[in-house]
Each structure stands twice: as structure tokens, then as C-alpha cells.
Protein backbone atom coordinates (compact mmCIF):
# COMPACT_ATOMS: atom_id res chain seq x y z
CA UNK A 1 0.00 0.00 0.00
CA UNK A 2 1.48 3.39 -1.02
CA UNK A 3 2.33 5.90 1.62
CA UNK A 4 0.18 9.04 1.62
CA UNK A 5 2.16 12.22 1.07
CA UNK A 6 1.88 14.91 3.72
CA UNK A 7 0.11 18.08 2.56
CA UNK A 8 2.25 21.22 2.09
CA UNK A 9 3.09 22.91 5.35
CA UNK A 10 2.62 26.40 3.84
CA UNK A 11 0.11 27.92 1.43
CA UNK A 12 0.10 30.78 -1.08
CA UNK A 13 0.54 34.21 0.55
CA UNK A 14 1.98 32.79 3.77
CA UNK A 15 4.73 34.93 5.31
CA UNK A 16 7.85 32.81 5.77
CA UNK A 17 11.52 33.21 6.48
CA UNK A 18 14.59 31.07 5.91
CA UNK A 19 15.85 29.09 8.89
CA UNK A 20 19.19 30.01 10.43
CA UNK A 21 22.16 28.24 8.87
CA UNK A 22 20.65 27.67 5.40
CA UNK A 23 23.06 28.28 2.51
CA UNK A 24 22.02 29.37 -0.97
CA UNK A 25 21.78 26.30 -3.24
CA UNK A 26 23.67 28.03 -6.07
CA UNK A 27 26.37 29.91 -4.14
CA UNK A 28 27.98 28.00 -1.30
CA UNK A 29 29.51 31.11 0.31
CA UNK A 30 26.18 32.98 0.60
CA UNK A 31 24.08 32.24 3.73
CA UNK A 32 20.39 33.15 3.45
CA UNK A 33 19.22 32.56 7.01
CA UNK A 34 16.71 35.21 8.09
CA UNK A 35 15.67 36.20 4.56
CA UNK A 36 11.90 36.72 4.65
CA UNK A 37 9.08 37.03 2.16
CA UNK A 38 5.81 35.64 0.88
CA UNK A 39 5.04 32.34 -0.84
CA UNK A 40 3.80 32.97 -4.38
CA UNK A 41 3.95 29.47 -5.89
CA UNK A 42 4.05 25.85 -4.70
CA UNK A 43 5.55 22.89 -6.58
CA UNK A 44 4.52 19.41 -5.47
CA UNK A 45 6.94 16.72 -6.60
CA UNK A 46 9.06 14.22 -4.72
CA UNK A 47 9.56 17.09 -2.28
CA UNK A 48 7.44 20.20 -1.81
CA UNK A 49 9.20 23.40 -2.90
CA UNK A 50 8.08 26.99 -2.61
CA UNK A 51 8.76 30.11 -4.62
CA UNK A 52 9.38 32.85 -2.07
CA UNK A 53 9.26 36.50 -3.10
CA UNK A 54 11.48 38.51 -0.75
CA UNK A 55 10.10 41.47 1.18
CA UNK A 56 11.57 44.97 0.96
CA UNK A 57 13.56 44.62 4.18
CA UNK A 58 15.31 41.53 2.89
CA UNK A 59 16.00 43.04 -0.54
CA UNK A 60 17.58 46.10 1.09
CA UNK A 61 20.04 43.91 3.01
CA UNK A 62 21.05 41.38 0.31
CA UNK A 63 24.83 41.24 -0.10
CA UNK A 64 26.01 43.12 -3.24
CA UNK A 65 28.01 40.09 -4.45
CA UNK A 66 24.78 38.05 -4.53
CA UNK A 67 23.21 40.77 -6.68
CA UNK A 68 26.19 40.77 -9.05
CA UNK A 69 26.11 37.01 -9.43
CA UNK A 70 22.37 36.98 -10.14
CA UNK A 71 22.84 39.63 -12.82
CA UNK A 72 25.84 37.71 -14.21
CA UNK A 73 23.92 34.41 -14.41
CA UNK A 74 20.52 35.82 -15.43
CA UNK A 75 18.88 34.79 -12.15
CA UNK A 76 16.03 36.50 -10.31
CA UNK A 77 17.06 38.59 -7.31
CA UNK A 78 13.55 39.19 -5.99
CA UNK A 79 12.53 35.54 -5.50
CA UNK A 80 13.93 32.04 -4.93
CA UNK A 81 12.76 28.40 -4.93
CA UNK A 82 13.30 26.74 -1.55
CA UNK A 83 12.51 23.40 0.04
CA UNK A 84 10.03 23.09 2.87
CA UNK A 85 12.78 22.11 5.32
CA UNK A 86 14.52 25.47 4.68
CA UNK A 87 11.53 27.56 5.79
CA UNK A 88 9.68 28.53 8.94
CA UNK A 89 6.75 30.89 9.59
CA UNK A 90 7.62 34.57 9.75
CA UNK A 91 6.21 35.61 13.10
CA UNK A 92 6.70 39.31 12.49
CA UNK A 93 9.70 40.25 14.62
CA UNK A 94 12.70 41.47 12.60
CA UNK A 95 14.83 38.37 11.85
CA UNK A 96 18.59 38.31 12.11
CA UNK A 97 19.70 38.25 8.48
CA UNK A 98 22.89 36.25 8.05
CA UNK A 99 25.77 37.63 5.98
CA UNK A 100 28.74 35.91 4.32
CA UNK A 101 31.79 35.38 6.50
CA UNK A 102 34.05 35.02 3.48
CA UNK A 103 33.27 35.57 -0.18
CA UNK A 104 34.97 33.01 -2.40
CA UNK A 105 35.41 34.46 -5.88
CA UNK A 106 36.21 32.00 -8.64
CA UNK A 107 39.55 32.86 -10.32
CA UNK A 108 39.36 34.15 -13.87
CA UNK A 109 40.34 31.66 -16.55
CA UNK A 110 42.03 32.67 -19.81
CA UNK A 111 40.28 29.68 -21.38
CA UNK A 112 36.83 31.16 -20.69
CA UNK A 113 35.45 33.70 -23.18
CA UNK A 114 33.56 35.72 -20.57
CA UNK A 115 36.56 35.75 -18.22
CA UNK A 116 38.91 37.01 -20.94
CA UNK A 117 36.58 39.97 -21.43
CA UNK A 118 36.36 40.55 -17.65
CA UNK A 119 40.16 40.78 -17.60
CA UNK A 120 40.05 43.60 -20.15
CA UNK A 121 37.77 45.67 -17.89
CA UNK A 122 39.49 44.74 -14.62
CA UNK A 123 36.48 42.79 -13.31
CA UNK A 124 36.29 39.76 -11.04
CA UNK A 125 34.55 36.45 -11.65
CA UNK A 126 31.57 37.71 -9.63
CA UNK A 127 30.92 40.61 -12.01
CA UNK A 128 28.56 40.54 -14.99
CA UNK A 129 30.02 41.66 -18.30
CA UNK A 130 29.56 45.40 -18.88
CA UNK A 131 27.07 46.78 -21.37
CA UNK A 132 28.27 48.33 -24.59
CA UNK A 133 28.43 52.12 -24.32
CA UNK A 134 30.85 54.91 -25.23
CA UNK A 135 33.05 54.36 -22.16
CA UNK A 136 33.33 50.59 -22.53
CA UNK A 137 33.93 50.88 -26.28
CA UNK A 138 36.76 53.32 -25.65
CA UNK A 139 38.28 50.98 -23.06
CA UNK A 140 38.03 48.05 -25.47
CA UNK A 141 39.49 50.17 -28.26
CA UNK A 142 42.51 51.00 -26.10
CA UNK A 143 43.03 47.31 -25.28
CA UNK A 144 42.78 46.20 -28.91
CA UNK A 145 45.09 48.97 -30.08
CA UNK A 146 47.79 47.57 -27.79
CA UNK A 147 47.20 43.89 -28.46
CA UNK A 148 46.15 43.38 -32.09
CA UNK A 149 49.03 42.61 -34.45
CA UNK A 150 48.66 44.83 -37.54
CA UNK A 151 48.37 44.36 -40.42
CA UNK A 152 46.45 41.11 -40.73
CA UNK A 153 44.43 39.37 -43.39
CA UNK A 154 40.71 38.85 -42.85
CA UNK A 155 37.37 38.50 -44.63
CA UNK A 156 34.31 40.72 -44.88
CA UNK A 157 30.78 40.01 -46.09
CA UNK A 158 30.66 36.28 -45.35
CA UNK A 159 27.12 36.65 -43.96
CA UNK A 160 25.96 37.79 -47.39
CA UNK A 161 27.49 34.73 -49.04
CA UNK A 162 30.11 36.78 -50.87
CA UNK A 163 33.18 37.05 -48.59
CA UNK A 164 35.87 39.46 -49.69
CA UNK A 165 39.51 39.28 -48.67
CA UNK A 166 40.99 42.40 -47.11
CA UNK A 167 43.86 43.58 -44.96
CA UNK A 168 43.15 45.27 -41.61
CA UNK A 169 45.81 47.94 -41.21
CA UNK A 170 44.82 49.61 -37.92
CA UNK A 171 42.14 51.15 -35.72
CA UNK A 172 42.81 54.71 -36.79
CA UNK A 173 44.85 57.43 -35.08
CA UNK A 174 41.76 58.57 -33.17
CA UNK A 175 39.17 56.13 -31.76
CA UNK A 176 36.26 55.88 -34.17
CA UNK A 177 33.31 54.32 -32.34
CA UNK A 178 29.57 54.25 -32.86
CA UNK A 179 26.71 53.07 -30.63
CA UNK A 180 25.26 50.92 -33.39
CA UNK A 181 28.40 49.64 -35.15
CA UNK A 182 30.95 49.70 -32.33
CA UNK A 183 34.66 50.06 -33.05
CA UNK A 184 35.75 50.81 -36.62
CA UNK A 185 38.96 49.58 -38.16
CA UNK A 186 40.91 50.77 -41.20
CA UNK A 187 41.12 48.23 -44.00
CA UNK A 188 42.68 48.00 -47.44
CA UNK A 189 40.45 46.31 -50.01
CA UNK A 190 40.08 46.57 -53.76
CA UNK A 191 43.00 49.00 -53.90
CA UNK A 192 41.52 51.55 -51.52
CA UNK A 193 41.44 52.28 -47.78
CA UNK A 194 38.09 52.20 -46.00
CA UNK A 195 36.66 52.10 -42.46
CA UNK A 196 34.58 49.07 -41.48
CA UNK A 197 33.02 47.88 -38.20
CA UNK A 198 35.40 45.48 -36.49
CA UNK A 199 32.36 43.39 -35.49
CA UNK A 200 31.86 42.51 -39.17
CA UNK A 201 35.43 41.30 -39.72
CA UNK A 202 35.86 37.52 -39.89
CA UNK A 203 38.74 35.03 -40.02
CA UNK A 204 41.20 37.54 -38.56
CA UNK A 205 44.44 35.67 -39.21
CA UNK A 206 46.82 35.89 -36.26
CA UNK A 207 44.17 37.71 -34.18
CA UNK A 208 41.21 35.31 -34.31
CA UNK A 209 40.59 35.05 -30.57
CA UNK A 210 40.93 38.78 -29.88
CA UNK A 211 38.52 39.73 -32.65
CA UNK A 212 36.10 36.88 -31.88
CA UNK A 213 35.96 37.88 -28.19
CA UNK A 214 35.20 41.47 -29.12
CA UNK A 215 32.47 40.38 -31.58
CA UNK A 216 30.94 38.11 -28.91
CA UNK A 217 30.83 40.92 -26.34
CA UNK A 218 29.59 43.57 -28.78
CA UNK A 219 26.94 41.30 -30.25
CA UNK A 220 25.52 40.16 -26.90
CA UNK A 221 25.82 43.19 -24.59
CA UNK A 222 24.90 45.95 -27.01
């Protein structure tokens, strides 16, 4: 005879808080004891889990590194799924919100595309990649000016099905940037010199990783 499952301990709109000593399931250095909010959804599976939406007091005291990591990983800051064993009723008195004793930041890896870009901007592994704007484009332009090996052969127009060979000869004496097209580079093609968006340059011989990383960042954080 099958064992009858116990009904959920909490219901929608119940005020709850996280028990002391509970650690975030995604970040092992972030304690969440004392975080309080309201149950907005219940999932009944092998174990009952609850979606808790944090109250204003809790949101005002969340550690900034937790916020950065949620932004970095595309996770919600305002709510979290938790197991029944992690929760207790919120009786109303201000709970003692636990804070990290030691933040453990993952070292940056030169093998990781996102981490290589973080290195350019002096960020840590906890930081999200910066958006594309005038300041970040200028910073990236300065980095590429120092690290790209000019001239180099490349292709342009591959997306149209008619790639053309060209030679990238520099980024110009003065930074030429645009909100829509990003950093421009000087190229020699068909016997003339022209300016083209670096994001549209492909197969950059001798500079493939540097150009590909820039295109990845510009294409995804614009």
C-alpha cells in the first residue's frame, strides 16, 4: 500500500523566512538565514518546494556580491525556490539576516570567453560583463590597439554569401566608435582604404581570438 504524502506545510501568501544556517543552493559562500518574504507558488513533486518573493527589508540587506552574481547568471534577485525544510513561519519580529563570512570568488580563466573579457575591464569572476556604451567601447578600443598585431588578413561580407579578402591595417589614429556599429577599423580592399566595423570582420588571421571575443561581447551586450 502506497504511503500518503503529507500536505504542504505552507500555502500561497503565507509569510515565511529562511531558517538560520541555510546556505544558498547556487552559491555555497552565501548564507540566506533570516531572509523573509511571501510564498507565491508551490511545486509538489518528490519534495514540496516553494517560490518565495522577498520582502523589501530583505532586498535592502542582500549582499552586493549576490546581486552581481544573479545579474551575471541571469537569475532572479527578488525571488527564490526553496525546500520546505529550509523555511519557517515569519512571526513578524525582525529576523537576524545572516551575511557571508568570506566571499569566495572563482579565479578568472584565460580559457573562458567571458573571463577574458572581464580581464580587459578589470572585473572579477563575480561581475557581470559590462554593457556596450561609449566608455566601454573606448576601453576596449585601447586594449585592442595595444594587443592586435597589424596588419592582418581577414574577410568581410561572409554573412551575405560573398566574402571578400581584405587587410586590416589599424584602428585609426583617433578612436572611431559608434553606438550601433561599435569600433571601426581601417582596411585596405580593392585597392583603396576604407573604415569598417570590427564586429563585421571575420577570419582575422593571427588575431582570431581577440577579434572573436570582441564580436561576442559587442553582439551580446549591445
